[in-house]
Amino acid sequence: MEETKIELQLIKLSEIQSQEVSWLWFPFIPYGKLTIVQGDPGDGKTTFVLNMDYSQVSRHKKV
């Protein structure tokens, strides 16, 4: 088996430009970013996520 060399590229924080964040629910759920919903079984994670999804679909959908 051949070894593959991976080069690590370092980026200085000063080289990164900041971007404004749009919020679905400030300051917990940003648009276009990864959000992790964690909790114990039975806490209502699925219900919460489905309600958030429904609220967004119902706002943007013509009825």
PDB file of N, CA and C in Angstrom:
ATOM      1  N   MET A   1       0.845  -1.166   0.000  1.00  0.00           N
ATOM      2  CA  MET A   1       0.000   0.000   0.000  1.00  0.00           C
ATOM      3  C   MET A   1       0.899   1.241   0.000  1.00  0.00           C
ATOM      4  N   GLU A   2       0.559   2.211  -0.838  1.00  0.00           N
ATOM      5  CA  GLU A   2       1.347   3.432  -0.936  1.00  0.00           C
ATOM      6  C   GLU A   2       0.926   4.428   0.135  1.00  0.00           C
ATOM      7  N   GLU A   3       1.920   5.132   0.656  1.00  0.00           N
ATOM      8  CA  GLU A   3       1.631   6.181   1.617  1.00  0.00           C
ATOM      9  C   GLU A   3       1.337   7.475   0.877  1.00  0.00           C
ATOM     10  N   THR A   4       0.316   8.161   1.293  1.00  0.00           N
ATOM     11  CA  THR A   4      -0.033   9.439   0.694  1.00  0.00           C
ATOM     12  C   THR A   4       0.406  10.535   1.655  1.00  0.00           C
ATOM     13  N   LYS A   5       1.198  11.482   1.132  1.00  0.00           N
ATOM     14  CA  LYS A   5       1.622  12.606   1.966  1.00  0.00           C
ATOM     15  C   LYS A   5       0.592  13.716   1.861  1.00  0.00           C
ATOM     16  N   ILE A   6       0.192  14.203   2.995  1.00  0.00           N
ATOM     17  CA  ILE A   6      -0.768  15.298   3.056  1.00  0.00           C
ATOM     18  C   ILE A   6      -0.046  16.512   3.623  1.00  0.00           C
ATOM     19  N   GLU A   7      -0.124  17.613   2.898  1.00  0.00           N
ATOM     20  CA  GLU A   7       0.526  18.834   3.342  1.00  0.00           C
ATOM     21  C   GLU A   7      -0.455  19.667   4.158  1.00  0.00           C
ATOM     22  N   LEU A   8      -0.020  20.065   5.326  1.00  0.00           N
ATOM     23  CA  LEU A   8      -0.839  20.883   6.202  1.00  0.00           C
ATOM     24  C   LEU A   8      -0.579  22.353   5.884  1.00  0.00           C
ATOM     25  N   GLN A   9      -1.651  23.084   5.608  1.00  0.00           N
ATOM     26  CA  GLN A   9      -1.523  24.505   5.327  1.00  0.00           C
ATOM     27  C   GLN A   9      -2.056  25.291   6.517  1.00  0.00           C
ATOM     28  N   LEU A  10      -1.237  26.180   7.041  1.00  0.00           N
ATOM     29  CA  LEU A  10      -1.646  27.010   8.166  1.00  0.00           C
ATOM     30  C   LEU A  10      -2.078  28.378   7.651  1.00  0.00           C
ATOM     31  N   ILE A  11      -3.147  28.883   8.203  1.00  0.00           N
ATOM     32  CA  ILE A  11      -3.660  30.205   7.836  1.00  0.00           C
ATOM     33  C   ILE A  11      -3.660  31.062   9.087  1.00  0.00           C
ATOM     34  N   LYS A  12      -3.071  32.245   8.969  1.00  0.00           N
ATOM     35  CA  LYS A  12      -3.066  33.169  10.105  1.00  0.00           C
ATOM     36  C   LYS A  12      -4.469  33.735  10.299  1.00  0.00           C
ATOM     37  N   LEU A  13      -4.852  33.908  11.541  1.00  0.00           N
ATOM     38  CA  LEU A  13      -6.161  34.474  11.834  1.00  0.00           C
ATOM     39  C   LEU A  13      -6.287  35.879  11.258  1.00  0.00           C
ATOM     40  N   SER A  14      -5.185  36.600  11.167  1.00  0.00           N
ATOM     41  CA  SER A  14      -5.200  37.954  10.616  1.00  0.00           C
ATOM     42  C   SER A  14      -5.496  37.960   9.111  1.00  0.00           C
ATOM     43  N   GLU A  15      -5.369  36.808   8.458  1.00  0.00           N
ATOM     44  CA  GLU A  15      -5.635  36.703   7.020  1.00  0.00           C
ATOM     45  C   GLU A  15      -7.088  36.350   6.717  1.00  0.00           C
ATOM     46  N   ILE A  16      -7.866  36.055   7.734  1.00  0.00           N
ATOM     47  CA  ILE A  16      -9.250  35.652   7.553  1.00  0.00           C
ATOM     48  C   ILE A  16     -10.148  36.871   7.700  1.00  0.00           C
ATOM     49  N   GLN A  17     -11.019  37.073   6.718  1.00  0.00           N
ATOM     50  CA  GLN A  17     -11.934  38.205   6.765  1.00  0.00           C
ATOM     51  C   GLN A  17     -13.216  37.799   7.486  1.00  0.00           C
ATOM     52  N   SER A  18     -13.684  38.683   8.340  1.00  0.00           N
ATOM     53  CA  SER A  18     -14.920  38.392   9.063  1.00  0.00           C
ATOM     54  C   SER A  18     -16.123  38.608   8.139  1.00  0.00           C
ATOM     55  N   GLN A  19     -17.189  37.888   8.407  1.00  0.00           N
ATOM     56  CA  GLN A  19     -18.425  38.000   7.635  1.00  0.00           C
ATOM     57  C   GLN A  19     -19.591  38.169   8.602  1.00  0.00           C
ATOM     58  N   GLU A  20     -20.552  38.959   8.179  1.00  0.00           N
ATOM     59  CA  GLU A  20     -21.750  39.125   8.987  1.00  0.00           C
ATOM     60  C   GLU A  20     -22.581  37.845   8.928  1.00  0.00           C
ATOM     61  N   VAL A  21     -23.179  37.494  10.035  1.00  0.00           N
ATOM     62  CA  VAL A  21     -23.966  36.263  10.119  1.00  0.00           C
ATOM     63  C   VAL A  21     -25.444  36.624  10.181  1.00  0.00           C
ATOM     64  N   SER A  22     -26.244  35.937   9.375  1.00  0.00           N
ATOM     65  CA  SER A  22     -27.705  36.073   9.443  1.00  0.00           C
ATOM     66  C   SER A  22     -28.217  35.007  10.401  1.00  0.00           C
ATOM     67  N   TRP A  23     -29.169  35.389  11.232  1.00  0.00           N
ATOM     68  CA  TRP A  23     -29.645  34.480  12.273  1.00  0.00           C
ATOM     69  C   TRP A  23     -31.077  34.048  12.030  1.00  0.00           C
ATOM     70  N   LEU A  24     -31.319  32.754  12.192  1.00  0.00           N
ATOM     71  CA  LEU A  24     -32.673  32.224  12.234  1.00  0.00           C
ATOM     72  C   LEU A  24     -33.247  32.489  13.627  1.00  0.00           C
ATOM     73  N   TRP A  25     -32.445  32.196  14.651  1.00  0.00           N
ATOM     74  CA  TRP A  25     -32.828  32.413  16.037  1.00  0.00           C
ATOM     75  C   TRP A  25     -31.592  32.905  16.785  1.00  0.00           C
ATOM     76  N   PHE A  26     -31.516  34.215  16.958  1.00  0.00           N
ATOM     77  CA  PHE A  26     -30.334  34.838  17.557  1.00  0.00           C
ATOM     78  C   PHE A  26     -30.250  34.506  19.038  1.00  0.00           C
ATOM     79  N   PRO A  27     -29.118  34.183  19.563  1.00  0.00           N
ATOM     80  CA  PRO A  27     -27.824  33.881  18.970  1.00  0.00           C
ATOM     81  C   PRO A  27     -27.559  32.382  18.897  1.00  0.00           C
ATOM     82  N   PHE A  28     -28.589  31.595  18.648  1.00  0.00           N
ATOM     83  CA  PHE A  28     -28.451  30.147  18.733  1.00  0.00           C
ATOM     84  C   PHE A  28     -28.324  29.446  17.384  1.00  0.00           C
ATOM     85  N   ILE A  29     -29.109  29.852  16.378  1.00  0.00           N
ATOM     86  CA  ILE A  29     -29.135  29.132  15.103  1.00  0.00           C
ATOM     87  C   ILE A  29     -28.875  30.101  13.953  1.00  0.00           C
ATOM     88  N   PRO A  30     -27.669  30.052  13.374  1.00  0.00           N
ATOM     89  CA  PRO A  30     -27.365  30.914  12.231  1.00  0.00           C
ATOM     90  C   PRO A  30     -27.805  30.263  10.917  1.00  0.00           C
ATOM     91  N   TYR A  31     -28.163  31.094   9.943  1.00  0.00           N
ATOM     92  CA  TYR A  31     -28.466  30.578   8.604  1.00  0.00           C
ATOM     93  C   TYR A  31     -27.173  30.124   7.936  1.00  0.00           C
ATOM     94  N   GLY A  32     -27.232  29.011   7.224  1.00  0.00           N
ATOM     95  CA  GLY A  32     -26.110  28.552   6.416  1.00  0.00           C
ATOM     96  C   GLY A  32     -24.934  28.002   7.191  1.00  0.00           C
ATOM     97  N   LYS A  33     -25.100  27.721   8.442  1.00  0.00           N
ATOM     98  CA  LYS A  33     -24.024  27.170   9.276  1.00  0.00           C
ATOM     99  C   LYS A  33     -24.502  25.871   9.900  1.00  0.00           C
ATOM    100  N   LEU A  34     -23.563  25.093  10.364  1.00  0.00           N
ATOM    101  CA  LEU A  34     -23.887  23.833  11.027  1.00  0.00           C
ATOM    102  C   LEU A  34     -24.355  24.102  12.448  1.00  0.00           C
ATOM    103  N   THR A  35     -25.481  23.531  12.814  1.00  0.00           N
ATOM    104  CA  THR A  35     -26.004  23.641  14.176  1.00  0.00           C
ATOM    105  C   THR A  35     -26.254  22.238  14.698  1.00  0.00           C
ATOM    106  N   ILE A  36     -25.743  21.951  15.867  1.00  0.00           N
ATOM    107  CA  ILE A  36     -25.929  20.637  16.477  1.00  0.00           C
ATOM    108  C   ILE A  36     -26.958  20.761  17.596  1.00  0.00           C
ATOM    109  N   VAL A  37     -27.989  19.934  17.517  1.00  0.00           N
ATOM    110  CA  VAL A  37     -29.012  19.892  18.559  1.00  0.00           C
ATOM    111  C   VAL A  37     -28.774  18.608  19.338  1.00  0.00           C
ATOM    112  N   GLN A  38     -28.375  18.739  20.590  1.00  0.00           N
ATOM    113  CA  GLN A  38     -28.053  17.562  21.388  1.00  0.00           C
ATOM    114  C   GLN A  38     -28.860  17.548  22.667  1.00  0.00           C
ATOM    115  N   GLY A  39     -29.089  16.367  23.164  1.00  0.00           N
ATOM    116  CA  GLY A  39     -29.821  16.225  24.413  1.00  0.00           C
ATOM    117  C   GLY A  39     -30.126  14.765  24.681  1.00  0.00           C
ATOM    118  N   ASP A  40     -30.687  14.512  25.809  1.00  0.00           N
ATOM    119  CA  ASP A  40     -31.038  13.152  26.194  1.00  0.00           C
ATOM    120  C   ASP A  40     -32.237  12.663  25.390  1.00  0.00           C
ATOM    121  N   PRO A  41     -32.399  11.339  25.272  1.00  0.00           N
ATOM    122  CA  PRO A  41     -33.571  10.795  24.605  1.00  0.00           C
ATOM    123  C   PRO A  41     -34.850  11.296  25.278  1.00  0.00           C
ATOM    124  N   GLY A  42     -35.811  11.694  24.454  1.00  0.00           N
ATOM    125  CA  GLY A  42     -37.080  12.155  24.986  1.00  0.00           C
ATOM    126  C   GLY A  42     -37.124  13.645  25.303  1.00  0.00           C
ATOM    127  N   ASP A  43     -36.030  14.355  25.055  1.00  0.00           N
ATOM    128  CA  ASP A  43     -35.999  15.797  25.336  1.00  0.00           C
ATOM    129  C   ASP A  43     -36.772  16.623  24.314  1.00  0.00           C
ATOM    130  N   GLY A  44     -37.096  16.040  23.156  1.00  0.00           N
ATOM    131  CA  GLY A  44     -37.861  16.767  22.146  1.00  0.00           C
ATOM    132  C   GLY A  44     -37.017  17.362  21.034  1.00  0.00           C
ATOM    133  N   LYS A  45     -35.849  16.782  20.789  1.00  0.00           N
ATOM    134  CA  LYS A  45     -34.964  17.301  19.732  1.00  0.00           C
ATOM    135  C   LYS A  45     -35.616  17.216  18.364  1.00  0.00           C
ATOM    136  N   THR A  46     -36.209  16.098  18.044  1.00  0.00           N
ATOM    137  CA  THR A  46     -36.850  15.923  16.749  1.00  0.00           C
ATOM    138  C   THR A  46     -38.029  16.868  16.604  1.00  0.00           C
ATOM    139  N   THR A  47     -38.844  16.989  17.631  1.00  0.00           N
ATOM    140  CA  THR A  47     -39.987  17.905  17.594  1.00  0.00           C
ATOM    141  C   THR A  47     -39.515  19.336  17.393  1.00  0.00           C
ATOM    142  N   PHE A  48     -38.466  19.740  18.098  1.00  0.00           N
ATOM    143  CA  PHE A  48     -37.911  21.074  17.967  1.00  0.00           C
ATOM    144  C   PHE A  48     -37.448  21.349  16.535  1.00  0.00           C
ATOM    145  N   VAL A  49     -36.671  20.419  15.973  1.00  0.00           N
ATOM    146  CA  VAL A  49     -36.138  20.613  14.621  1.00  0.00           C
ATOM    147  C   VAL A  49     -37.274  20.639  13.594  1.00  0.00           C
ATOM    148  N   LEU A  50     -38.247  19.764  13.729  1.00  0.00           N
ATOM    149  CA  LEU A  50     -39.374  19.757  12.794  1.00  0.00           C
ATOM    150  C   LEU A  50     -40.195  21.045  12.906  1.00  0.00           C
ATOM    151  N   ASN A  51     -40.382  21.565  14.106  1.00  0.00           N
ATOM    152  CA  ASN A  51     -41.094  22.837  14.281  1.00  0.00           C
ATOM    153  C   ASN A  51     -40.328  23.997  13.660  1.00  0.00           C
ATOM    154  N   MET A  52     -39.008  24.016  13.824  1.00  0.00           N
ATOM    155  CA  MET A  52     -38.183  25.072  13.220  1.00  0.00           C
ATOM    156  C   MET A  52     -38.267  24.989  11.696  1.00  0.00           C
ATOM    157  N   ASP A  53     -38.216  23.774  11.160  1.00  0.00           N
ATOM    158  CA  ASP A  53     -38.297  23.577   9.715  1.00  0.00           C
ATOM    159  C   ASP A  53     -39.665  24.018   9.196  1.00  0.00           C
ATOM    160  N   TYR A  54     -40.714  23.622   9.871  1.00  0.00           N
ATOM    161  CA  TYR A  54     -42.069  23.987   9.452  1.00  0.00           C
ATOM    162  C   TYR A  54     -42.260  25.497   9.471  1.00  0.00           C
ATOM    163  N   SER A  55     -41.731  26.151  10.511  1.00  0.00           N
ATOM    164  CA  SER A  55     -41.904  27.606  10.596  1.00  0.00           C
ATOM    165  C   SER A  55     -41.221  28.312   9.443  1.00  0.00           C
ATOM    166  N   GLN A  56     -40.093  27.776   8.975  1.00  0.00           N
ATOM    167  CA  GLN A  56     -39.394  28.393   7.853  1.00  0.00           C
ATOM    168  C   GLN A  56     -40.114  28.111   6.541  1.00  0.00           C
ATOM    169  N   VAL A  57     -40.582  26.899   6.364  1.00  0.00           N
ATOM    170  CA  VAL A  57     -41.291  26.542   5.130  1.00  0.00           C
ATOM    171  C   VAL A  57     -42.595  27.329   5.035  1.00  0.00           C
ATOM    172  N   SER A  58     -43.308  27.441   6.134  1.00  0.00           N
ATOM    173  CA  SER A  58     -44.604  28.119   6.102  1.00  0.00           C
ATOM    174  C   SER A  58     -44.446  29.626   5.869  1.00  0.00           C
ATOM    175  N   ARG A  59     -43.330  30.217   6.256  1.00  0.00           N
ATOM    176  CA  ARG A  59     -43.097  31.652   6.000  1.00  0.00           C
ATOM    177  C   ARG A  59     -42.817  31.949   4.547  1.00  0.00           C
ATOM    178  N   HIS A  60     -42.165  31.037   3.863  1.00  0.00           N
ATOM    179  CA  HIS A  60     -41.728  31.282   2.505  1.00  0.00           C
ATOM    180  C   HIS A  60     -42.618  30.633   1.447  1.00  0.00           C
ATOM    181  N   LYS A  61     -43.637  29.939   1.883  1.00  0.00           N
ATOM    182  CA  LYS A  61     -44.492  29.221   0.954  1.00  0.00           C
ATOM    183  C   LYS A  61     -45.808  29.978   0.791  1.00  0.00           C
ATOM    184  N   LYS A  62     -46.228  30.173  -0.461  1.00  0.00           N
ATOM    185  CA  LYS A  62     -47.517  30.821  -0.698  1.00  0.00           C
ATOM    186  C   LYS A  62     -48.622  29.796  -0.494  1.00  0.00           C
ATOM    187  N   VAL A  63     -49.580  30.126   0.333  1.00  0.00           N
ATOM    188  CA  VAL A  63     -50.674  29.195   0.642  1.00  0.00           C
ATOM    189  C   VAL A  63     -51.920  29.642  -0.081  1.00  0.00           C
TER     190      VAL A  63
END
